[in-house]
Amino acid sequence: MQKTILGGLAGLSLLVSVTHAAPTPTTVENMIRAAGPGQISTIADVAKATNPDLVAEIDALVDSITGEAAAQKKAILASQGFFEGWSGEGQAGGFVTSGNTKDTGVVIGVKLARDGLAWRHAIDALADFQRSNGTNTREAFRLGYEADYVISETWFVYGLAQWERDKFAGFSGRFTESIGIGYIAFDSPAFSLEINGGPALRQTRFIATTMLPARSTRKLNFRGTGIIGWNISDGLTFTEEVGMLLGSKNSTYYSRSALTASLTNVLSARISFDIDHETNPPPGVVKTDTSTRASLVYNF
């Protein structure tokens, strides 16, 4: 399809040189209008290279198309209710081994997102369970909600609430509430980078151990995150989220890496690798946890 479009654009140079038509040729206009959001700039550049006398007309056409698309999107966002316009993904994966070891693992996750005129909403839920030789070796659950208020194309303020449970990390419940400011450093179809940070209040309920009784803490932290999206090629995407919560007695650092390959329009395969590090965990708990997952992802 792309070769056909490029070949058609190259052939139009002869047509323009013969007719000397002032307006943009219909064929060129149709090709530009048929291009997707991530292709219109490339198609327009080829059209201008093959039609140097029509650069101004082609630029005006591209501005008109992008302006119409922005106005249409704005009208849709202004008219939809809170429960409309949501998109997201669901992932599920697992494994079973037998023989010298009998292991069972399951991971289930859901992500939802909604963009409005001034607000963006995101919901993230994950359940990760593993059992080895009849003993539970991992029980991790996470549920988070974030609301962003858009100040400009690059700046926003956010509010976040998150609940976690991980008995093998030493806590039965951990709540985090944070507010702060975010900055979109890059935003293109090929690459995106977003950073945000601000104060965070964290409440943790620790599990009783042989050395310490069950207890609860309430600490003020600083939270910071960076999120990268990289479209390596058509259908292959790499994402990375790194974050930290800095506290006076304990700090948390984490990394969430994922490589996703499209199988169909709605189904993808994903391999992910997570690292969680606590600088001062409860006695008997290791500082660093890692998790590798393979799952199928359904986009909706």
C-alpha atoms as a PDB file:
ATOM      1  CA  MET A   1       0.000   0.000   0.000  1.00  0.00           C
ATOM      2  CA  GLN A   2       2.755   2.412   0.933  1.00  0.00           C
ATOM      3  CA  LYS A   3       4.704   1.573  -2.241  1.00  0.00           C
ATOM      4  CA  THR A   4       1.584   2.233  -4.284  1.00  0.00           C
ATOM      5  CA  ILE A   5       1.074   5.634  -2.670  1.00  0.00           C
ATOM      6  CA  LEU A   6       4.705   6.662  -3.132  1.00  0.00           C
ATOM      7  CA  GLY A   7       4.718   5.469  -6.717  1.00  0.00           C
ATOM      8  CA  GLY A   8       1.550   7.397  -7.460  1.00  0.00           C
ATOM      9  CA  LEU A   9       2.982  10.567  -5.961  1.00  0.00           C
ATOM     10  CA  ALA A  10       6.165  10.263  -8.000  1.00  0.00           C
ATOM     11  CA  GLY A  11       4.164   9.849 -11.170  1.00  0.00           C
ATOM     12  CA  LEU A  12       2.233  13.031 -10.514  1.00  0.00           C
ATOM     13  CA  SER A  13       5.268  15.216 -11.225  1.00  0.00           C
ATOM     14  CA  LEU A  14       4.810  14.600 -14.960  1.00  0.00           C
ATOM     15  CA  LEU A  15       1.116  15.497 -14.753  1.00  0.00           C
ATOM     16  CA  VAL A  16       1.839  18.764 -12.970  1.00  0.00           C
ATOM     17  CA  SER A  17       4.615  19.758 -15.397  1.00  0.00           C
ATOM     18  CA  VAL A  18       2.246  19.292 -18.347  1.00  0.00           C
ATOM     19  CA  THR A  19      -0.907  20.919 -16.983  1.00  0.00           C
ATOM     20  CA  HIS A  20       0.727  23.632 -14.817  1.00  0.00           C
ATOM     21  CA  ALA A  21      -2.399  23.472 -12.617  1.00  0.00           C
ATOM     22  CA  ALA A  22      -2.345  25.956  -9.737  1.00  0.00           C
ATOM     23  CA  PRO A  23      -4.452  24.001  -7.204  1.00  0.00           C
ATOM     24  CA  THR A  24      -3.225  20.793  -5.577  1.00  0.00           C
ATOM     25  CA  PRO A  25      -3.998  17.854  -7.928  1.00  0.00           C
ATOM     26  CA  THR A  26      -6.965  15.787  -6.798  1.00  0.00           C
ATOM     27  CA  THR A  27      -4.890  12.595  -6.671  1.00  0.00           C
ATOM     28  CA  VAL A  28      -2.349  14.194  -4.334  1.00  0.00           C
ATOM     29  CA  GLU A  29      -5.096  15.617  -2.133  1.00  0.00           C
ATOM     30  CA  ASN A  30      -6.853  12.259  -1.897  1.00  0.00           C
ATOM     31  CA  MET A  31      -3.630  10.523  -0.894  1.00  0.00           C
ATOM     32  CA  ILE A  32      -2.895  13.088   1.803  1.00  0.00           C
ATOM     33  CA  ARG A  33      -6.443  12.898   3.142  1.00  0.00           C
ATOM     34  CA  ALA A  34      -6.273   9.087   3.186  1.00  0.00           C
ATOM     35  CA  ALA A  35      -3.062   9.079   5.259  1.00  0.00           C
ATOM     36  CA  GLY A  36      -3.258   8.184   8.936  1.00  0.00           C
ATOM     37  CA  PRO A  37      -2.260  10.640  11.695  1.00  0.00           C
ATOM     38  CA  GLY A  38       1.267   9.238  11.787  1.00  0.00           C
ATOM     39  CA  GLN A  39       1.672   9.182   7.987  1.00  0.00           C
ATOM     40  CA  ILE A  40       0.316  12.549   6.804  1.00  0.00           C
ATOM     41  CA  SER A  41       3.620  14.374   7.344  1.00  0.00           C
ATOM     42  CA  THR A  42       5.597  11.749   5.390  1.00  0.00           C
ATOM     43  CA  ILE A  43       3.095  11.665   2.514  1.00  0.00           C
ATOM     44  CA  ALA A  44       3.032  15.472   2.377  1.00  0.00           C
ATOM     45  CA  ASP A  45       6.853  15.628   2.246  1.00  0.00           C
ATOM     46  CA  VAL A  46       6.905  13.208  -0.690  1.00  0.00           C
ATOM     47  CA  ALA A  47       4.173  15.206  -2.419  1.00  0.00           C
ATOM     48  CA  LYS A  48       6.149  18.440  -2.031  1.00  0.00           C
ATOM     49  CA  ALA A  49       9.332  16.800  -3.277  1.00  0.00           C
ATOM     50  CA  THR A  50       7.591  15.613  -6.445  1.00  0.00           C
ATOM     51  CA  ASN A  51       5.553  18.812  -6.837  1.00  0.00           C
ATOM     52  CA  PRO A  52       7.899  21.677  -5.861  1.00  0.00           C
ATOM     53  CA  ASP A  53       5.589  24.317  -7.403  1.00  0.00           C
ATOM     54  CA  LEU A  54       2.770  23.303  -5.041  1.00  0.00           C
ATOM     55  CA  VAL A  55       4.549  23.451  -1.675  1.00  0.00           C
ATOM     56  CA  ALA A  56       2.387  26.297  -0.359  1.00  0.00           C
ATOM     57  CA  GLU A  57      -0.835  24.595  -1.475  1.00  0.00           C
ATOM     58  CA  ILE A  58       0.180  21.270   0.072  1.00  0.00           C
ATOM     59  CA  ASP A  59       1.141  22.953   3.374  1.00  0.00           C
ATOM     60  CA  ALA A  60      -2.224  24.720   3.428  1.00  0.00           C
ATOM     61  CA  LEU A  61      -4.006  21.428   2.773  1.00  0.00           C
ATOM     62  CA  VAL A  62      -2.148  19.680   5.622  1.00  0.00           C
ATOM     63  CA  ASP A  63      -2.945  22.561   8.000  1.00  0.00           C
ATOM     64  CA  SER A  64      -6.595  22.360   6.976  1.00  0.00           C
ATOM     65  CA  ILE A  65      -6.773  18.580   7.517  1.00  0.00           C
ATOM     66  CA  THR A  66      -5.080  18.686  10.928  1.00  0.00           C
ATOM     67  CA  GLY A  67      -7.239  21.626  11.982  1.00  0.00           C
ATOM     68  CA  GLU A  68     -10.413  19.810  10.972  1.00  0.00           C
ATOM     69  CA  ALA A  69      -9.303  16.689  12.849  1.00  0.00           C
ATOM     70  CA  ALA A  70      -8.504  18.701  15.992  1.00  0.00           C
ATOM     71  CA  ALA A  71     -11.867  20.501  15.857  1.00  0.00           C
ATOM     72  CA  GLN A  72     -13.721  17.227  15.352  1.00  0.00           C
ATOM     73  CA  LYS A  73     -11.917  15.584  18.264  1.00  0.00           C
ATOM     74  CA  LYS A  74     -12.635  18.590  20.498  1.00  0.00           C
ATOM     75  CA  ALA A  75     -16.336  18.450  19.647  1.00  0.00           C
ATOM     76  CA  ILE A  76     -16.490  14.725  20.450  1.00  0.00           C
ATOM     77  CA  LEU A  77     -14.703  15.160  23.779  1.00  0.00           C
ATOM     78  CA  ALA A  78     -16.972  18.071  24.743  1.00  0.00           C
ATOM     79  CA  SER A  79     -20.156  16.071  24.120  1.00  0.00           C
ATOM     80  CA  GLN A  80     -19.287  12.733  25.756  1.00  0.00           C
ATOM     81  CA  GLY A  81     -20.211  11.801  29.304  1.00  0.00           C
ATOM     82  CA  PHE A  82     -17.816  10.493  31.967  1.00  0.00           C
ATOM     83  CA  PHE A  83     -18.585   6.850  31.188  1.00  0.00           C
ATOM     84  CA  GLU A  84     -18.003   7.371  27.452  1.00  0.00           C
ATOM     85  CA  GLY A  85     -14.719   7.461  25.551  1.00  0.00           C
ATOM     86  CA  TRP A  86     -12.854   4.898  27.634  1.00  0.00           C
ATOM     87  CA  SER A  87     -10.276   2.637  25.992  1.00  0.00           C
ATOM     88  CA  GLY A  88      -7.854   0.148  27.417  1.00  0.00           C
ATOM     89  CA  GLU A  89      -6.374  -3.312  27.492  1.00  0.00           C
ATOM     90  CA  GLY A  90      -6.697  -6.538  29.417  1.00  0.00           C
ATOM     91  CA  GLN A  91      -3.837  -8.989  29.832  1.00  0.00           C
ATOM     92  CA  ALA A  92      -3.727 -12.574  31.050  1.00  0.00           C
ATOM     93  CA  GLY A  93      -0.837 -14.986  31.341  1.00  0.00           C
ATOM     94  CA  GLY A  94       0.272 -18.011  33.272  1.00  0.00           C
ATOM     95  CA  PHE A  95       2.449 -21.082  33.457  1.00  0.00           C
ATOM     96  CA  VAL A  96       2.436 -24.627  34.871  1.00  0.00           C
ATOM     97  CA  THR A  97       5.504 -26.842  35.406  1.00  0.00           C
ATOM     98  CA  SER A  98       5.802 -30.433  36.657  1.00  0.00           C
ATOM     99  CA  GLY A  99       8.557 -32.918  37.441  1.00  0.00           C
ATOM    100  CA  ASN A 100      11.189 -31.963  40.005  1.00  0.00           C
ATOM    101  CA  THR A 101       9.220 -28.800  40.770  1.00  0.00           C
ATOM    102  CA  LYS A 102       5.518 -28.112  40.516  1.00  0.00           C
ATOM    103  CA  ASP A 103       4.933 -24.442  39.830  1.00  0.00           C
ATOM    104  CA  THR A 104       1.810 -22.542  38.894  1.00  0.00           C
ATOM    105  CA  GLY A 105       1.694 -18.867  38.038  1.00  0.00           C
ATOM    106  CA  VAL A 106      -1.086 -16.530  36.949  1.00  0.00           C
ATOM    107  CA  VAL A 107      -1.100 -12.835  36.096  1.00  0.00           C
ATOM    108  CA  ILE A 108      -4.215 -10.810  35.257  1.00  0.00           C
ATOM    109  CA  GLY A 109      -4.229  -7.085  34.564  1.00  0.00           C
ATOM    110  CA  VAL A 110      -6.482  -4.327  33.254  1.00  0.00           C
ATOM    111  CA  LYS A 111      -5.667  -0.781  32.139  1.00  0.00           C
ATOM    112  CA  LEU A 112      -8.278   1.844  31.289  1.00  0.00           C
ATOM    113  CA  ALA A 113      -7.781   5.392  30.001  1.00  0.00           C
ATOM    114  CA  ARG A 114     -10.006   8.295  29.039  1.00  0.00           C
ATOM    115  CA  ASP A 115      -9.014  11.655  27.527  1.00  0.00           C
ATOM    116  CA  GLY A 116     -11.271  14.677  27.917  1.00  0.00           C
ATOM    117  CA  LEU A 117     -10.960  18.340  27.035  1.00  0.00           C
ATOM    118  CA  ALA A 118      -9.252  19.250  30.296  1.00  0.00           C
ATOM    119  CA  TRP A 119      -8.999  15.971  32.208  1.00  0.00           C
ATOM    120  CA  ARG A 120      -7.309  12.627  31.573  1.00  0.00           C
ATOM    121  CA  HIS A 121      -8.150   9.549  33.651  1.00  0.00           C
ATOM    122  CA  ALA A 122      -6.237   6.284  34.018  1.00  0.00           C
ATOM    123  CA  ILE A 123      -7.002   3.107  35.992  1.00  0.00           C
ATOM    124  CA  ASP A 124      -4.439   0.313  36.444  1.00  0.00           C
ATOM    125  CA  ALA A 125      -5.100  -3.046  38.148  1.00  0.00           C
ATOM    126  CA  LEU A 126      -2.831  -6.092  38.414  1.00  0.00           C
ATOM    127  CA  ALA A 127      -2.981  -9.440  40.219  1.00  0.00           C
ATOM    128  CA  ASP A 128       0.134 -11.650  40.267  1.00  0.00           C
ATOM    129  CA  PHE A 129       0.054 -15.093  41.917  1.00  0.00           C
ATOM    130  CA  GLN A 130       2.579 -17.946  42.053  1.00  0.00           C
ATOM    131  CA  ARG A 131       2.623 -21.314  43.846  1.00  0.00           C
ATOM    132  CA  SER A 132       5.685 -23.604  44.055  1.00  0.00           C
ATOM    133  CA  ASN A 133       5.542 -27.190  45.348  1.00  0.00           C
ATOM    134  CA  GLY A 134       2.306 -26.528  47.188  1.00  0.00           C
ATOM    135  CA  THR A 135       3.443 -23.282  48.816  1.00  0.00           C
ATOM    136  CA  ASN A 136       2.455 -19.802  47.799  1.00  0.00           C
ATOM    137  CA  THR A 137       5.578 -17.888  46.767  1.00  0.00           C
ATOM    138  CA  ARG A 138       4.037 -14.715  45.352  1.00  0.00           C
ATOM    139  CA  GLU A 139       0.810 -12.818  46.031  1.00  0.00           C
ATOM    140  CA  ALA A 140       0.975  -9.280  44.691  1.00  0.00           C
ATOM    141  CA  PHE A 141      -1.978  -7.022  43.968  1.00  0.00           C
ATOM    142  CA  ARG A 142      -2.076  -3.427  42.771  1.00  0.00           C
ATOM    143  CA  LEU A 143      -4.887  -0.983  42.010  1.00  0.00           C
ATOM    144  CA  GLY A 144      -4.300   2.642  41.038  1.00  0.00           C
ATOM    145  CA  TYR A 145      -6.220   5.649  39.755  1.00  0.00           C
ATOM    146  CA  GLU A 146      -4.728   8.853  38.322  1.00  0.00           C
ATOM    147  CA  ALA A 147      -6.451  12.041  37.169  1.00  0.00           C
ATOM    148  CA  ASP A 148      -4.534  14.663  35.169  1.00  0.00           C
ATOM    149  CA  TYR A 149      -5.645  18.238  34.601  1.00  0.00           C
ATOM    150  CA  VAL A 150      -4.217  19.498  31.311  1.00  0.00           C
ATOM    151  CA  ILE A 151      -2.620  22.946  31.536  1.00  0.00           C
ATOM    152  CA  SER A 152      -1.087  23.007  28.053  1.00  0.00           C
ATOM    153  CA  GLU A 153       0.130  20.598  25.384  1.00  0.00           C
ATOM    154  CA  THR A 154       3.188  19.790  27.512  1.00  0.00           C
ATOM    155  CA  TRP A 155       2.256  20.539  31.150  1.00  0.00           C
ATOM    156  CA  PHE A 156      -0.318  18.981  33.490  1.00  0.00           C
ATOM    157  CA  VAL A 157      -1.022  18.532  37.194  1.00  0.00           C
ATOM    158  CA  TYR A 158      -2.015  15.145  38.586  1.00  0.00           C
ATOM    159  CA  GLY A 159      -3.660  13.470  41.533  1.00  0.00           C
ATOM    160  CA  LEU A 160      -3.009   9.795  42.260  1.00  0.00           C
ATOM    161  CA  ALA A 161      -4.354   7.153  44.649  1.00  0.00           C
ATOM    162  CA  GLN A 162      -2.905   3.643  44.782  1.00  0.00           C
ATOM    163  CA  TRP A 163      -3.405   0.503  46.870  1.00  0.00           C
ATOM    164  CA  GLU A 164      -0.946  -2.410  47.000  1.00  0.00           C
ATOM    165  CA  ARG A 165      -0.730  -5.721  48.810  1.00  0.00           C
ATOM    166  CA  ASP A 166       2.327  -7.985  48.822  1.00  0.00           C
ATOM    167  CA  LYS A 167       2.686 -10.298  51.824  1.00  0.00           C
ATOM    168  CA  PHE A 168       6.064 -11.565  50.621  1.00  0.00           C
ATOM    169  CA  ALA A 169       7.352  -7.987  50.625  1.00  0.00           C
ATOM    170  CA  GLY A 170       6.169  -7.691  54.220  1.00  0.00           C
ATOM    171  CA  PHE A 171       2.969  -5.647  54.010  1.00  0.00           C
ATOM    172  CA  SER A 172      -0.726  -6.521  53.902  1.00  0.00           C
ATOM    173  CA  GLY A 173      -1.736  -3.108  52.596  1.00  0.00           C
ATOM    174  CA  ARG A 174      -0.018   0.019  51.377  1.00  0.00           C
ATOM    175  CA  PHE A 175      -1.865   3.162  50.353  1.00  0.00           C
ATOM    176  CA  THR A 176      -0.226   6.015  48.433  1.00  0.00           C
ATOM    177  CA  GLU A 177      -1.785   9.404  47.686  1.00  0.00           C
ATOM    178  CA  SER A 178       0.147  11.937  45.627  1.00  0.00           C
ATOM    179  CA  ILE A 179      -0.304  15.268  43.880  1.00  0.00           C
ATOM    180  CA  GLY A 180       2.209  16.929  41.607  1.00  0.00           C
ATOM    181  CA  ILE A 181       3.079  18.291  38.198  1.00  0.00           C
ATOM    182  CA  GLY A 182       3.964  16.512  34.963  1.00  0.00           C
ATOM    183  CA  TYR A 183       5.769  17.400  31.755  1.00  0.00           C
ATOM    184  CA  ILE A 184       5.475  15.743  28.332  1.00  0.00           C
ATOM    185  CA  ALA A 185       8.998  16.063  26.946  1.00  0.00           C
ATOM    186  CA  PHE A 186       8.342  14.178  23.675  1.00  0.00           C
ATOM    187  CA  ASP A 187       5.096  13.147  22.024  1.00  0.00           C
ATOM    188  CA  SER A 188       5.327  11.656  18.535  1.00  0.00           C
ATOM    189  CA  PRO A 189       4.022   8.466  16.900  1.00  0.00           C
ATOM    190  CA  ALA A 190       7.528   6.980  17.158  1.00  0.00           C
ATOM    191  CA  PHE A 191       8.623   8.060  20.646  1.00  0.00           C
ATOM    192  CA  SER A 192       7.121   9.600  23.770  1.00  0.00           C
ATOM    193  CA  LEU A 193       8.533  10.635  27.137  1.00  0.00           C
ATOM    194  CA  GLU A 194       6.576  11.845  30.161  1.00  0.00           C
ATOM    195  CA  ILE A 195       7.936  12.752  33.601  1.00  0.00           C
ATOM    196  CA  ASN A 196       6.034  13.760  36.728  1.00  0.00           C
ATOM    197  CA  GLY A 197       6.587  14.145  40.430  1.00  0.00           C
ATOM    198  CA  GLY A 198       5.390  15.613  43.698  1.00  0.00           C
ATOM    199  CA  PRO A 199       4.810  14.918  47.401  1.00  0.00           C
ATOM    200  CA  ALA A 200       3.183  11.633  48.385  1.00  0.00           C
ATOM    201  CA  LEU A 201       1.627  10.356  51.602  1.00  0.00           C
ATOM    202  CA  ARG A 202       2.130   6.638  52.185  1.00  0.00           C
ATOM    203  CA  GLN A 203       0.382   4.476  54.780  1.00  0.00           C
ATOM    204  CA  THR A 204       1.692   0.919  55.254  1.00  0.00           C
ATOM    205  CA  ARG A 205       0.335  -1.985  57.305  1.00  0.00           C
ATOM    206  CA  PHE A 206       3.210  -4.369  57.975  1.00  0.00           C
ATOM    207  CA  ILE A 207       2.674  -8.083  58.609  1.00  0.00           C
ATOM    208  CA  ALA A 208       3.755  -9.515  61.960  1.00  0.00           C
ATOM    209  CA  THR A 209       7.031 -11.457  61.959  1.00  0.00           C
ATOM    210  CA  THR A 210       8.968 -13.419  64.560  1.00  0.00           C
ATOM    211  CA  MET A 211      11.028 -10.269  65.193  1.00  0.00           C
ATOM    212  CA  LEU A 212       8.376  -7.530  64.975  1.00  0.00           C
ATOM    213  CA  PRO A 213       4.649  -7.324  65.714  1.00  0.00           C
ATOM    214  CA  ALA A 214       2.123  -6.104  63.140  1.00  0.00           C
ATOM    215  CA  ARG A 215       2.299  -2.332  62.872  1.00  0.00           C
ATOM    216  CA  SER A 216       1.271   0.616  60.743  1.00  0.00           C
ATOM    217  CA  THR A 217       3.269   3.609  59.552  1.00  0.00           C
ATOM    218  CA  ARG A 218       2.353   6.917  57.958  1.00  0.00           C
ATOM    219  CA  LYS A 219       5.154   8.691  56.106  1.00  0.00           C
ATOM    220  CA  LEU A 220       5.566  11.653  53.780  1.00  0.00           C
ATOM    221  CA  ASN A 221       7.561  10.803  50.645  1.00  0.00           C
ATOM    222  CA  PHE A 222       8.586  12.380  47.368  1.00  0.00           C
ATOM    223  CA  ARG A 223       7.299  10.563  44.288  1.00  0.00           C
ATOM    224  CA  GLY A 224       8.794  10.747  40.795  1.00  0.00           C
ATOM    225  CA  THR A 225       8.174   8.733  37.625  1.00  0.00           C
ATOM    226  CA  GLY A 226       9.305   8.631  34.017  1.00  0.00           C
ATOM    227  CA  ILE A 227       7.369   6.852  31.249  1.00  0.00           C
ATOM    228  CA  ILE A 228       8.797   6.003  27.826  1.00  0.00           C
ATOM    229  CA  GLY A 229       6.944   4.686  24.777  1.00  0.00           C
ATOM    230  CA  TRP A 230       8.929   3.572  21.716  1.00  0.00           C
ATOM    231  CA  ASN A 231       7.366   2.194  18.530  1.00  0.00           C
ATOM    232  CA  ILE A 232      10.327   0.155  17.318  1.00  0.00           C
ATOM    233  CA  SER A 233       8.587  -0.904  14.118  1.00  0.00           C
ATOM    234  CA  ASP A 234       5.118  -1.503  12.800  1.00  0.00           C
ATOM    235  CA  GLY A 235       3.441  -3.697  15.420  1.00  0.00           C
ATOM    236  CA  LEU A 236       6.371  -3.808  17.873  1.00  0.00           C
ATOM    237  CA  THR A 237       6.368  -1.481  20.898  1.00  0.00           C
ATOM    238  CA  PHE A 238       8.647  -1.073  23.914  1.00  0.00           C
ATOM    239  CA  THR A 239       7.454   0.685  27.076  1.00  0.00           C
ATOM    240  CA  GLU A 240       9.368   1.547  30.220  1.00  0.00           C
ATOM    241  CA  GLU A 241       8.193   3.101  33.473  1.00  0.00           C
ATOM    242  CA  VAL A 242      10.698   3.903  36.202  1.00  0.00           C
ATOM    243  CA  GLY A 243       9.716   5.427  39.506  1.00  0.00           C
ATOM    244  CA  MET A 244      10.753   6.189  43.052  1.00  0.00           C
ATOM    245  CA  LEU A 245       9.215   7.070  46.389  1.00  0.00           C
ATOM    246  CA  LEU A 246      11.843   8.654  48.596  1.00  0.00           C
ATOM    247  CA  GLY A 247      11.262   8.490  52.348  1.00  0.00           C
ATOM    248  CA  SER A 248      13.248   9.243  55.488  1.00  0.00           C
ATOM    249  CA  LYS A 249      13.523   5.599  56.628  1.00  0.00           C
ATOM    250  CA  ASN A 250      12.624   3.578  53.550  1.00  0.00           C
ATOM    251  CA  SER A 251      12.597   4.349  49.820  1.00  0.00           C
ATOM    252  CA  THR A 252      11.051   2.394  46.974  1.00  0.00           C
ATOM    253  CA  TYR A 253      12.461   2.166  43.453  1.00  0.00           C
ATOM    254  CA  TYR A 254      10.804   0.276  40.626  1.00  0.00           C
ATOM    255  CA  SER A 255      11.089  -0.453  36.914  1.00  0.00           C
ATOM    256  CA  ARG A 256       8.370  -1.818  34.596  1.00  0.00           C
ATOM    257  CA  SER A 257       9.642  -2.904  31.161  1.00  0.00           C
ATOM    258  CA  ALA A 258       7.495  -4.463  28.449  1.00  0.00           C
ATOM    259  CA  LEU A 259       7.904  -5.525  24.826  1.00  0.00           C
ATOM    260  CA  THR A 260       4.592  -5.916  22.978  1.00  0.00           C
ATOM    261  CA  ALA A 261       4.104  -7.446  19.519  1.00  0.00           C
ATOM    262  CA  SER A 262       0.803  -7.133  17.662  1.00  0.00           C
ATOM    263  CA  LEU A 263      -0.744 -10.404  16.495  1.00  0.00           C
ATOM    264  CA  THR A 264      -4.020  -8.985  15.163  1.00  0.00           C
ATOM    265  CA  ASN A 265      -5.794  -5.626  15.299  1.00  0.00           C
ATOM    266  CA  VAL A 266      -6.880  -6.291  18.893  1.00  0.00           C
ATOM    267  CA  LEU A 267      -4.615  -9.081  20.180  1.00  0.00           C
ATOM    268  CA  SER A 268      -0.936  -8.794  21.157  1.00  0.00           C
ATOM    269  CA  ALA A 269       1.760 -10.882  22.840  1.00  0.00           C
ATOM    270  CA  ARG A 270       3.774  -9.272  25.635  1.00  0.00           C
ATOM    271  CA  ILE A 271       6.911 -10.066  27.601  1.00  0.00           C
ATOM    272  CA  SER A 272       7.470  -7.902  30.676  1.00  0.00           C
ATOM    273  CA  PHE A 273      10.130  -7.618  33.361  1.00  0.00           C
ATOM    274  CA  ASP A 274       9.558  -5.825  36.691  1.00  0.00           C
ATOM    275  CA  ILE A 275      12.045  -4.823  39.385  1.00  0.00           C
ATOM    276  CA  ASP A 276      10.970  -3.627  42.859  1.00  0.00           C
ATOM    277  CA  HIS A 277      13.559  -2.487  45.401  1.00  0.00           C
ATOM    278  CA  GLU A 278      13.047  -1.410  49.029  1.00  0.00           C
ATOM    279  CA  THR A 279      16.023   0.217  50.739  1.00  0.00           C
ATOM    280  CA  ASN A 280      14.917  -0.808  54.261  1.00  0.00           C
ATOM    281  CA  PRO A 281      12.401  -3.692  54.179  1.00  0.00           C
ATOM    282  CA  PRO A 282      11.177  -5.543  57.291  1.00  0.00           C
ATOM    283  CA  PRO A 283      13.610  -8.072  58.817  1.00  0.00           C
ATOM    284  CA  GLY A 284      13.760 -11.310  56.843  1.00  0.00           C
ATOM    285  CA  VAL A 285      12.537  -9.707  53.593  1.00  0.00           C
ATOM    286  CA  VAL A 286      14.972  -9.351  50.692  1.00  0.00           C
ATOM    287  CA  LYS A 287      15.438  -5.874  49.289  1.00  0.00           C
ATOM    288  CA  THR A 288      14.881  -6.639  45.586  1.00  0.00           C
ATOM    289  CA  ASP A 289      12.077  -8.530  43.851  1.00  0.00           C
ATOM    290  CA  THR A 290      12.002  -9.326  40.145  1.00  0.00           C
ATOM    291  CA  SER A 291       9.196 -10.743  38.019  1.00  0.00           C
ATOM    292  CA  THR A 292       9.175 -11.913  34.404  1.00  0.00           C
ATOM    293  CA  ARG A 293       5.824 -12.455  32.669  1.00  0.00           C
ATOM    294  CA  ALA A 294       4.560 -13.628  29.293  1.00  0.00           C
ATOM    295  CA  SER A 295       0.960 -12.771  28.521  1.00  0.00           C
ATOM    296  CA  LEU A 296      -1.630 -12.125  25.852  1.00  0.00           C
ATOM    297  CA  VAL A 297      -3.098  -8.624  25.647  1.00  0.00           C
ATOM    298  CA  TYR A 298      -6.544  -7.704  24.317  1.00  0.00           C
ATOM    299  CA  ASN A 299      -7.031  -4.077  23.285  1.00  0.00           C
ATOM    300  CA  PHE A 300     -10.462  -2.474  23.385  1.00  0.00           C
END
